[in-house]
Amino acid sequence: MTIGAALALFTGLSTSAQAASGDFTYVNVNGDSFVLHNPQNGECFLLISGAKSAANRTNAKATVFAEHGCEGSRLTMQPNTSMTFAGADPHSVMFG
């Protein structure tokens, strides 16, 4: 019974800690390029100085948020899509 509980715990942890496979690239408001390689699902990543454009070349959806800390209005980018942001630049992203 203990082995079963340990296996269930291990399985539960491994699925929540999966990484999106691939790269998420973005260009910030200063024209600097950044890459998130195999980003962890469920973790909030800061988009330094806000993103003007982004390409989600991962196998997971990427949700970009207007504010730091993955808060505020949001847009979802499906896998293998790119987007140029008009108006408010997103400042964080979460995968999964």
PDB file of N, CA and C in Angstrom:
ATOM      1  N   MET A   1       0.814  -1.182   0.000  1.00  0.00           N
ATOM      2  CA  MET A   1       0.000   0.000   0.000  1.00  0.00           C
ATOM      3  C   MET A   1       0.868   1.260   0.000  1.00  0.00           C
ATOM      4  N   THR A   2       1.971   1.214   0.726  1.00  0.00           N
ATOM      5  CA  THR A   2       2.874   2.357   0.753  1.00  0.00           C
ATOM      6  C   THR A   2       3.489   2.594  -0.618  1.00  0.00           C
ATOM      7  N   ILE A   3       3.826   1.528  -1.323  1.00  0.00           N
ATOM      8  CA  ILE A   3       4.407   1.664  -2.660  1.00  0.00           C
ATOM      9  C   ILE A   3       3.397   2.322  -3.600  1.00  0.00           C
ATOM     10  N   GLY A   4       2.143   1.908  -3.515  1.00  0.00           N
ATOM     11  CA  GLY A   4       1.112   2.505  -4.356  1.00  0.00           C
ATOM     12  C   GLY A   4       0.948   3.987  -4.083  1.00  0.00           C
ATOM     13  N   ALA A   5       0.968   4.384  -2.821  1.00  0.00           N
ATOM     14  CA  ALA A   5       0.831   5.792  -2.467  1.00  0.00           C
ATOM     15  C   ALA A   5       2.038   6.589  -2.957  1.00  0.00           C
ATOM     16  N   ALA A   6       3.231   6.002  -2.817  1.00  0.00           N
ATOM     17  CA  ALA A   6       4.435   6.677  -3.294  1.00  0.00           C
ATOM     18  C   ALA A   6       4.404   6.821  -4.810  1.00  0.00           C
ATOM     19  N   LEU A   7       3.935   5.793  -5.501  1.00  0.00           N
ATOM     20  CA  LEU A   7       3.841   5.853  -6.956  1.00  0.00           C
ATOM     21  C   LEU A   7       2.835   6.913  -7.391  1.00  0.00           C
ATOM     22  N   ALA A   8       1.700   6.982  -6.724  1.00  0.00           N
ATOM     23  CA  ALA A   8       0.689   7.988  -7.048  1.00  0.00           C
ATOM     24  C   ALA A   8       1.243   9.394  -6.809  1.00  0.00           C
ATOM     25  N   LEU A   9       1.987   9.573  -5.710  1.00  0.00           N
ATOM     26  CA  LEU A   9       2.584  10.866  -5.417  1.00  0.00           C
ATOM     27  C   LEU A   9       3.616  11.220  -6.479  1.00  0.00           C
ATOM     28  N   PHE A  10       4.470  10.271  -6.829  1.00  0.00           N
ATOM     29  CA  PHE A  10       5.490  10.511  -7.844  1.00  0.00           C
ATOM     30  C   PHE A  10       4.853  10.839  -9.183  1.00  0.00           C
ATOM     31  N   THR A  11       3.841  10.099  -9.582  1.00  0.00           N
ATOM     32  CA  THR A  11       3.155  10.336 -10.844  1.00  0.00           C
ATOM     33  C   THR A  11       2.508  11.706 -10.841  1.00  0.00           C
ATOM     34  N   GLY A  12       1.895  12.083  -9.734  1.00  0.00           N
ATOM     35  CA  GLY A  12       1.259  13.392  -9.637  1.00  0.00           C
ATOM     36  C   GLY A  12       2.267  14.520  -9.756  1.00  0.00           C
ATOM     37  N   LEU A  13       3.426  14.364  -9.162  1.00  0.00           N
ATOM     38  CA  LEU A  13       4.444  15.401  -9.250  1.00  0.00           C
ATOM     39  C   LEU A  13       5.039  15.479 -10.650  1.00  0.00           C
ATOM     40  N   SER A  14       5.237  14.343 -11.291  1.00  0.00           N
ATOM     41  CA  SER A  14       5.890  14.374 -12.587  1.00  0.00           C
ATOM     42  C   SER A  14       5.008  15.032 -13.642  1.00  0.00           C
ATOM     43  N   THR A  15       3.690  14.852 -13.587  1.00  0.00           N
ATOM     44  CA  THR A  15       2.841  15.475 -14.592  1.00  0.00           C
ATOM     45  C   THR A  15       2.727  16.973 -14.384  1.00  0.00           C
ATOM     46  N   SER A  16       2.764  17.450 -13.145  1.00  0.00           N
ATOM     47  CA  SER A  16       2.630  18.877 -12.908  1.00  0.00           C
ATOM     48  C   SER A  16       3.936  19.615 -13.196  1.00  0.00           C
ATOM     49  N   ALA A  17       5.054  18.913 -13.248  1.00  0.00           N
ATOM     50  CA  ALA A  17       6.344  19.552 -13.469  1.00  0.00           C
ATOM     51  C   ALA A  17       6.830  19.380 -14.902  1.00  0.00           C
ATOM     52  N   GLN A  18       5.957  19.001 -15.814  1.00  0.00           N
ATOM     53  CA  GLN A  18       6.359  18.821 -17.193  1.00  0.00           C
ATOM     54  C   GLN A  18       6.717  20.147 -17.832  1.00  0.00           C
ATOM     55  N   ALA A  19       7.625  20.067 -18.767  1.00  0.00           N
ATOM     56  CA  ALA A  19       8.003  21.255 -19.522  1.00  0.00           C
ATOM     57  C   ALA A  19       7.343  21.219 -20.887  1.00  0.00           C
ATOM     58  N   ALA A  20       7.023  22.390 -21.380  1.00  0.00           N
ATOM     59  CA  ALA A  20       6.590  22.497 -22.768  1.00  0.00           C
ATOM     60  C   ALA A  20       7.819  22.237 -23.622  1.00  0.00           C
ATOM     61  N   SER A  21       7.677  21.462 -24.655  1.00  0.00           N
ATOM     62  CA  SER A  21       8.809  21.131 -25.511  1.00  0.00           C
ATOM     63  C   SER A  21       8.906  22.166 -26.632  1.00  0.00           C
ATOM     64  N   GLY A  22      10.057  22.800 -26.749  1.00  0.00           N
ATOM     65  CA  GLY A  22      10.282  23.785 -27.795  1.00  0.00           C
ATOM     66  C   GLY A  22      10.649  25.140 -27.236  1.00  0.00           C
ATOM     67  N   ASP A  23      10.596  26.148 -28.092  1.00  0.00           N
ATOM     68  CA  ASP A  23      11.011  27.501 -27.719  1.00  0.00           C
ATOM     69  C   ASP A  23       9.858  28.500 -27.819  1.00  0.00           C
ATOM     70  N   PHE A  24       9.845  29.418 -26.881  1.00  0.00           N
ATOM     71  CA  PHE A  24       8.977  30.586 -26.935  1.00  0.00           C
ATOM     72  C   PHE A  24       9.925  31.766 -27.096  1.00  0.00           C
ATOM     73  N   THR A  25       9.809  32.478 -28.194  1.00  0.00           N
ATOM     74  CA  THR A  25      10.687  33.616 -28.438  1.00  0.00           C
ATOM     75  C   THR A  25       9.865  34.894 -28.437  1.00  0.00           C
ATOM     76  N   TYR A  26      10.490  35.982 -28.006  1.00  0.00           N
ATOM     77  CA  TYR A  26       9.803  37.267 -28.060  1.00  0.00           C
ATOM     78  C   TYR A  26      10.803  38.393 -28.245  1.00  0.00           C
ATOM     79  N   VAL A  27      10.303  39.489 -28.776  1.00  0.00           N
ATOM     80  CA  VAL A  27      11.068  40.725 -28.929  1.00  0.00           C
ATOM     81  C   VAL A  27      10.409  41.754 -28.028  1.00  0.00           C
ATOM     82  N   ASN A  28      11.232  42.381 -27.165  1.00  0.00           N
ATOM     83  CA  ASN A  28      10.654  43.338 -26.217  1.00  0.00           C
ATOM     84  C   ASN A  28      10.552  44.729 -26.846  1.00  0.00           C
ATOM     85  N   VAL A  29      10.055  45.684 -26.077  1.00  0.00           N
ATOM     86  CA  VAL A  29       9.814  47.036 -26.582  1.00  0.00           C
ATOM     87  C   VAL A  29      11.109  47.748 -26.971  1.00  0.00           C
ATOM     88  N   ASN A  30      12.243  47.260 -26.483  1.00  0.00           N
ATOM     89  CA  ASN A  30      13.543  47.849 -26.815  1.00  0.00           C
ATOM     90  C   ASN A  30      14.179  47.197 -28.039  1.00  0.00           C
ATOM     91  N   GLY A  31      13.506  46.194 -28.618  1.00  0.00           N
ATOM     92  CA  GLY A  31      14.051  45.487 -29.776  1.00  0.00           C
ATOM     93  C   GLY A  31      14.968  44.329 -29.425  1.00  0.00           C
ATOM     94  N   ASP A  32      15.066  43.981 -28.137  1.00  0.00           N
ATOM     95  CA  ASP A  32      15.909  42.861 -27.706  1.00  0.00           C
ATOM     96  C   ASP A  32      15.149  41.559 -27.861  1.00  0.00           C
ATOM     97  N   SER A  33      15.844  40.496 -28.307  1.00  0.00           N
ATOM     98  CA  SER A  33      15.236  39.174 -28.495  1.00  0.00           C
ATOM     99  C   SER A  33      15.554  38.267 -27.317  1.00  0.00           C
ATOM    100  N   PHE A  34      14.566  37.461 -26.928  1.00  0.00           N
ATOM    101  CA  PHE A  34      14.712  36.529 -25.813  1.00  0.00           C
ATOM    102  C   PHE A  34      14.116  35.181 -26.200  1.00  0.00           C
ATOM    103  N   VAL A  35      14.636  34.105 -25.579  1.00  0.00           N
ATOM    104  CA  VAL A  35      14.135  32.747 -25.832  1.00  0.00           C
ATOM    105  C   VAL A  35      13.904  32.056 -24.495  1.00  0.00           C
ATOM    106  N   LEU A  36      12.722  31.449 -24.343  1.00  0.00           N
ATOM    107  CA  LEU A  36      12.447  30.540 -23.230  1.00  0.00           C
ATOM    108  C   LEU A  36      12.484  29.144 -23.833  1.00  0.00           C
ATOM    109  N   HIS A  37      13.478  28.345 -23.471  1.00  0.00           N
ATOM    110  CA  HIS A  37      13.657  27.004 -24.040  1.00  0.00           C
ATOM    111  C   HIS A  37      13.053  25.961 -23.101  1.00  0.00           C
ATOM    112  N   ASN A  38      12.135  25.172 -23.631  1.00  0.00           N
ATOM    113  CA  ASN A  38      11.440  24.132 -22.853  1.00  0.00           C
ATOM    114  C   ASN A  38      10.926  24.674 -21.513  1.00  0.00           C
ATOM    115  N   PRO A  39      10.096  25.717 -21.542  1.00  0.00           N
ATOM    116  CA  PRO A  39       9.609  26.313 -20.291  1.00  0.00           C
ATOM    117  C   PRO A  39       8.696  25.365 -19.514  1.00  0.00           C
ATOM    118  N   GLN A  40       8.763  25.452 -18.199  1.00  0.00           N
ATOM    119  CA  GLN A  40       7.931  24.610 -17.323  1.00  0.00           C
ATOM    120  C   GLN A  40       6.466  25.006 -17.438  1.00  0.00           C
ATOM    121  N   ASN A  41       5.599  24.031 -17.576  1.00  0.00           N
ATOM    122  CA  ASN A  41       4.152  24.279 -17.549  1.00  0.00           C
ATOM    123  C   ASN A  41       3.753  24.759 -16.160  1.00  0.00           C
ATOM    124  N   GLY A  42       2.853  25.732 -16.105  1.00  0.00           N
ATOM    125  CA  GLY A  42       2.317  26.207 -14.841  1.00  0.00           C
ATOM    126  C   GLY A  42       3.184  27.222 -14.126  1.00  0.00           C
ATOM    127  N   GLU A  43       4.370  27.536 -14.654  1.00  0.00           N
ATOM    128  CA  GLU A  43       5.251  28.527 -14.039  1.00  0.00           C
ATOM    129  C   GLU A  43       5.072  29.863 -14.761  1.00  0.00           C
ATOM    130  N   CYS A  44       5.088  30.944 -14.021  1.00  0.00           N
ATOM    131  CA  CYS A  44       4.929  32.275 -14.596  1.00  0.00           C
ATOM    132  C   CYS A  44       6.306  32.839 -14.937  1.00  0.00           C
ATOM    133  N   PHE A  45       6.465  33.281 -16.197  1.00  0.00           N
ATOM    134  CA  PHE A  45       7.728  33.840 -16.656  1.00  0.00           C
ATOM    135  C   PHE A  45       7.554  35.326 -16.955  1.00  0.00           C
ATOM    136  N   LEU A  46       8.511  36.129 -16.528  1.00  0.00           N
ATOM    137  CA  LEU A  46       8.524  37.558 -16.795  1.00  0.00           C
ATOM    138  C   LEU A  46       8.954  37.799 -18.237  1.00  0.00           C
ATOM    139  N   LEU A  47       8.262  38.663 -18.935  1.00  0.00           N
ATOM    140  CA  LEU A  47       8.667  39.106 -20.266  1.00  0.00           C
ATOM    141  C   LEU A  47       9.345  40.461 -20.063  1.00  0.00           C
ATOM    142  N   ILE A  48      10.655  40.486 -20.103  1.00  0.00           N
ATOM    143  CA  ILE A  48      11.462  41.645 -19.745  1.00  0.00           C
ATOM    144  C   ILE A  48      11.088  42.859 -20.601  1.00  0.00           C
ATOM    145  N   SER A  49      10.675  43.925 -19.968  1.00  0.00           N
ATOM    146  CA  SER A  49      10.272  45.199 -20.582  1.00  0.00           C
ATOM    147  C   SER A  49       9.005  45.103 -21.425  1.00  0.00           C
ATOM    148  N   GLY A  50       8.317  43.985 -21.388  1.00  0.00           N
ATOM    149  CA  GLY A  50       7.095  43.809 -22.175  1.00  0.00           C
ATOM    150  C   GLY A  50       7.408  43.350 -23.588  1.00  0.00           C
ATOM    151  N   ALA A  51       6.550  42.504 -24.138  1.00  0.00           N
ATOM    152  CA  ALA A  51       6.771  41.935 -25.470  1.00  0.00           C
ATOM    153  C   ALA A  51       6.019  42.728 -26.530  1.00  0.00           C
ATOM    154  N   LYS A  52       6.688  43.023 -27.634  1.00  0.00           N
ATOM    155  CA  LYS A  52       6.042  43.635 -28.801  1.00  0.00           C
ATOM    156  C   LYS A  52       5.537  42.556 -29.747  1.00  0.00           C
ATOM    157  N   SER A  53       6.251  41.418 -29.785  1.00  0.00           N
ATOM    158  CA  SER A  53       5.845  40.277 -30.611  1.00  0.00           C
ATOM    159  C   SER A  53       6.379  39.009 -29.958  1.00  0.00           C
ATOM    160  N   ALA A  54       5.743  37.882 -30.292  1.00  0.00           N
ATOM    161  CA  ALA A  54       6.156  36.597 -29.726  1.00  0.00           C
ATOM    162  C   ALA A  54       5.821  35.480 -30.695  1.00  0.00           C
ATOM    163  N   ALA A  55       6.572  34.382 -30.578  1.00  0.00           N
ATOM    164  CA  ALA A  55       6.309  33.169 -31.340  1.00  0.00           C
ATOM    165  C   ALA A  55       6.311  31.997 -30.376  1.00  0.00           C
ATOM    166  N   ASN A  56       5.211  31.269 -30.339  1.00  0.00           N
ATOM    167  CA  ASN A  56       5.099  30.099 -29.473  1.00  0.00           C
ATOM    168  C   ASN A  56       5.405  28.862 -30.302  1.00  0.00           C
ATOM    169  N   ARG A  57       6.636  28.415 -30.268  1.00  0.00           N
ATOM    170  CA  ARG A  57       7.069  27.226 -30.997  1.00  0.00           C
ATOM    171  C   ARG A  57       7.223  26.045 -30.035  1.00  0.00           C
ATOM    172  N   THR A  58       6.327  26.012 -29.036  1.00  0.00           N
ATOM    173  CA  THR A  58       6.288  24.884 -28.101  1.00  0.00           C
ATOM    174  C   THR A  58       5.093  24.001 -28.446  1.00  0.00           C
ATOM    175  N   ASN A  59       4.968  22.892 -27.727  1.00  0.00           N
ATOM    176  CA  ASN A  59       3.823  21.999 -27.917  1.00  0.00           C
ATOM    177  C   ASN A  59       2.703  22.285 -26.921  1.00  0.00           C
ATOM    178  N   ALA A  60       2.765  23.432 -26.233  1.00  0.00           N
ATOM    179  CA  ALA A  60       1.755  23.801 -25.231  1.00  0.00           C
ATOM    180  C   ALA A  60       1.205  25.183 -25.551  1.00  0.00           C
ATOM    181  N   LYS A  61      -0.011  25.441 -25.096  1.00  0.00           N
ATOM    182  CA  LYS A  61      -0.534  26.792 -25.263  1.00  0.00           C
ATOM    183  C   LYS A  61       0.228  27.728 -24.330  1.00  0.00           C
ATOM    184  N   ALA A  62       0.399  28.961 -24.771  1.00  0.00           N
ATOM    185  CA  ALA A  62       1.063  29.997 -23.980  1.00  0.00           C
ATOM    186  C   ALA A  62       0.043  31.092 -23.728  1.00  0.00           C
ATOM    187  N   THR A  63      -0.163  31.415 -22.467  1.00  0.00           N
ATOM    188  CA  THR A  63      -1.073  32.501 -22.125  1.00  0.00           C
ATOM    189  C   THR A  63      -0.228  33.687 -21.710  1.00  0.00           C
ATOM    190  N   VAL A  64      -0.353  34.792 -22.456  1.00  0.00           N
ATOM    191  CA  VAL A  64       0.389  36.015 -22.136  1.00  0.00           C
ATOM    192  C   VAL A  64      -0.534  36.949 -21.357  1.00  0.00           C
ATOM    193  N   PHE A  65       0.044  37.609 -20.363  1.00  0.00           N
ATOM    194  CA  PHE A  65      -0.712  38.452 -19.444  1.00  0.00           C
ATOM    195  C   PHE A  65      -0.223  39.884 -19.510  1.00  0.00           C
ATOM    196  N   ALA A  66      -1.129  40.824 -19.336  1.00  0.00           N
ATOM    197  CA  ALA A  66      -0.801  42.248 -19.389  1.00  0.00           C
ATOM    198  C   ALA A  66       0.120  42.668 -18.252  1.00  0.00           C
ATOM    199  N   GLU A  67       0.017  42.017 -17.106  1.00  0.00           N
ATOM    200  CA  GLU A  67       0.766  42.448 -15.930  1.00  0.00           C
ATOM    201  C   GLU A  67       1.792  41.402 -15.508  1.00  0.00           C
ATOM    202  N   HIS A  68       2.751  41.849 -14.685  1.00  0.00           N
ATOM    203  CA  HIS A  68       3.714  40.921 -14.085  1.00  0.00           C
ATOM    204  C   HIS A  68       2.961  39.935 -13.203  1.00  0.00           C
ATOM    205  N   GLY A  69       3.539  38.775 -12.961  1.00  0.00           N
ATOM    206  CA  GLY A  69       2.935  37.803 -12.062  1.00  0.00           C
ATOM    207  C   GLY A  69       1.757  37.058 -12.665  1.00  0.00           C
ATOM    208  N   CYS A  70       1.646  37.085 -13.995  1.00  0.00           N
ATOM    209  CA  CYS A  70       0.568  36.386 -14.710  1.00  0.00           C
ATOM    210  C   CYS A  70      -0.802  36.823 -14.214  1.00  0.00           C
ATOM    211  N   GLU A  71      -0.978  38.149 -14.182  1.00  0.00           N
ATOM    212  CA  GLU A  71      -2.246  38.747 -13.771  1.00  0.00           C
ATOM    213  C   GLU A  71      -2.708  39.743 -14.820  1.00  0.00           C
ATOM    214  N   GLY A  72      -3.966  40.118 -14.736  1.00  0.00           N
ATOM    215  CA  GLY A  72      -4.531  41.090 -15.658  1.00  0.00           C
ATOM    216  C   GLY A  72      -5.103  40.430 -16.896  1.00  0.00           C
ATOM    217  N   SER A  73      -5.399  41.245 -17.892  1.00  0.00           N
ATOM    218  CA  SER A  73      -5.992  40.700 -19.112  1.00  0.00           C
ATOM    219  C   SER A  73      -5.013  39.732 -19.772  1.00  0.00           C
ATOM    220  N   ARG A  74      -5.564  38.820 -20.563  1.00  0.00           N
ATOM    221  CA  ARG A  74      -4.737  37.752 -21.128  1.00  0.00           C
ATOM    222  C   ARG A  74      -5.143  37.419 -22.550  1.00  0.00           C
ATOM    223  N   LEU A  75      -4.185  36.869 -23.262  1.00  0.00           N
ATOM    224  CA  LEU A  75      -4.389  36.324 -24.602  1.00  0.00           C
ATOM    225  C   LEU A  75      -3.755  34.942 -24.636  1.00  0.00           C
ATOM    226  N   THR A  76      -4.376  34.028 -25.348  1.00  0.00           N
ATOM    227  CA  THR A  76      -3.824  32.681 -25.461  1.00  0.00           C
ATOM    228  C   THR A  76      -3.232  32.481 -26.844  1.00  0.00           C
ATOM    229  N   MET A  77      -2.015  31.970 -26.856  1.00  0.00           N
ATOM    230  CA  MET A  77      -1.335  31.628 -28.105  1.00  0.00           C
ATOM    231  C   MET A  77      -1.262  30.106 -28.194  1.00  0.00           C
ATOM    232  N   GLN A  78      -1.856  29.547 -29.227  1.00  0.00           N
ATOM    233  CA  GLN A  78      -1.800  28.111 -29.444  1.00  0.00           C
ATOM    234  C   GLN A  78      -0.383  27.714 -29.867  1.00  0.00           C
ATOM    235  N   PRO A  79      -0.024  26.425 -29.758  1.00  0.00           N
ATOM    236  CA  PRO A  79       1.294  25.988 -30.221  1.00  0.00           C
ATOM    237  C   PRO A  79       1.515  26.361 -31.689  1.00  0.00           C
ATOM    238  N   ASN A  80       2.749  26.686 -32.010  1.00  0.00           N
ATOM    239  CA  ASN A  80       3.185  27.007 -33.371  1.00  0.00           C
ATOM    240  C   ASN A  80       2.447  28.186 -33.980  1.00  0.00           C
ATOM    241  N   THR A  81       2.226  29.227 -33.172  1.00  0.00           N
ATOM    242  CA  THR A  81       1.638  30.466 -33.664  1.00  0.00           C
ATOM    243  C   THR A  81       2.530  31.633 -33.257  1.00  0.00           C
ATOM    244  N   SER A  82       2.342  32.748 -33.929  1.00  0.00           N
ATOM    245  CA  SER A  82       3.063  33.967 -33.555  1.00  0.00           C
ATOM    246  C   SER A  82       2.072  35.120 -33.510  1.00  0.00           C
ATOM    247  N   MET A  83       2.472  36.197 -32.835  1.00  0.00           N
ATOM    248  CA  MET A  83       1.563  37.314 -32.638  1.00  0.00           C
ATOM    249  C   MET A  83       2.372  38.602 -32.464  1.00  0.00           C
ATOM    250  N   THR A  84       1.852  39.679 -33.027  1.00  0.00           N
ATOM    251  CA  THR A  84       2.363  41.021 -32.765  1.00  0.00           C
ATOM    252  C   THR A  84       1.315  41.711 -31.907  1.00  0.00           C
ATOM    253  N   PHE A  85       1.759  42.324 -30.824  1.00  0.00           N
ATOM    254  CA  PHE A  85       0.832  42.905 -29.858  1.00  0.00           C
ATOM    255  C   PHE A  85       0.636  44.389 -30.147  1.00  0.00           C
ATOM    256  N   ALA A  86      -0.605  44.787 -30.253  1.00  0.00           N
ATOM    257  CA  ALA A  86      -0.953  46.194 -30.447  1.00  0.00           C
ATOM    258  C   ALA A  86      -1.523  46.716 -29.140  1.00  0.00           C
ATOM    259  N   GLY A  87      -1.189  47.929 -28.797  1.00  0.00           N
ATOM    260  CA  GLY A  87      -1.697  48.485 -27.541  1.00  0.00           C
ATOM    261  C   GLY A  87      -0.825  48.055 -26.377  1.00  0.00           C
ATOM    262  N   ALA A  88      -1.437  47.489 -25.342  1.00  0.00           N
ATOM    263  CA  ALA A  88      -0.715  47.078 -24.141  1.00  0.00           C
ATOM    264  C   ALA A  88       0.179  45.869 -24.423  1.00  0.00           C
ATOM    265  N   ASP A  89       1.443  45.988 -24.054  1.00  0.00           N
ATOM    266  CA  ASP A  89       2.401  44.894 -24.250  1.00  0.00           C
ATOM    267  C   ASP A  89       2.324  43.929 -23.080  1.00  0.00           C
ATOM    268  N   PRO A  90       2.258  42.617 -23.341  1.00  0.00           N
ATOM    269  CA  PRO A  90       2.221  41.662 -22.242  1.00  0.00           C
ATOM    270  C   PRO A  90       3.541  41.657 -21.465  1.00  0.00           C
ATOM    271  N   HIS A  91       3.429  41.401 -20.158  1.00  0.00           N
ATOM    272  CA  HIS A  91       4.613  41.421 -19.283  1.00  0.00           C
ATOM    273  C   HIS A  91       4.910  40.076 -18.623  1.00  0.00           C
ATOM    274  N   SER A  92       4.084  39.060 -18.879  1.00  0.00           N
ATOM    275  CA  SER A  92       4.370  37.722 -18.338  1.00  0.00           C
ATOM    276  C   SER A  92       3.660  36.674 -19.184  1.00  0.00           C
ATOM    277  N   VAL A  93       4.115  35.419 -19.028  1.00  0.00           N
ATOM    278  CA  VAL A  93       3.562  34.311 -19.811  1.00  0.00           C
ATOM    279  C   VAL A  93       3.569  33.045 -18.961  1.00  0.00           C
ATOM    280  N   MET A  94       2.562  32.177 -19.195  1.00  0.00           N
ATOM    281  CA  MET A  94       2.480  30.881 -18.524  1.00  0.00           C
ATOM    282  C   MET A  94       2.093  29.839 -19.575  1.00  0.00           C
ATOM    283  N   PHE A  95       2.679  28.664 -19.454  1.00  0.00           N
ATOM    284  CA  PHE A  95       2.442  27.578 -20.407  1.00  0.00           C
ATOM    285  C   PHE A  95       1.596  26.479 -19.786  1.00  0.00           C
ATOM    286  N   GLY A  96       0.896  25.771 -20.651  1.00  0.00           N
ATOM    287  CA  GLY A  96       0.114  24.624 -20.202  1.00  0.00           C
ATOM    288  C   GLY A  96      -1.366  24.813 -20.372  1.00  0.00           C
TER     289      GLY A  96
END
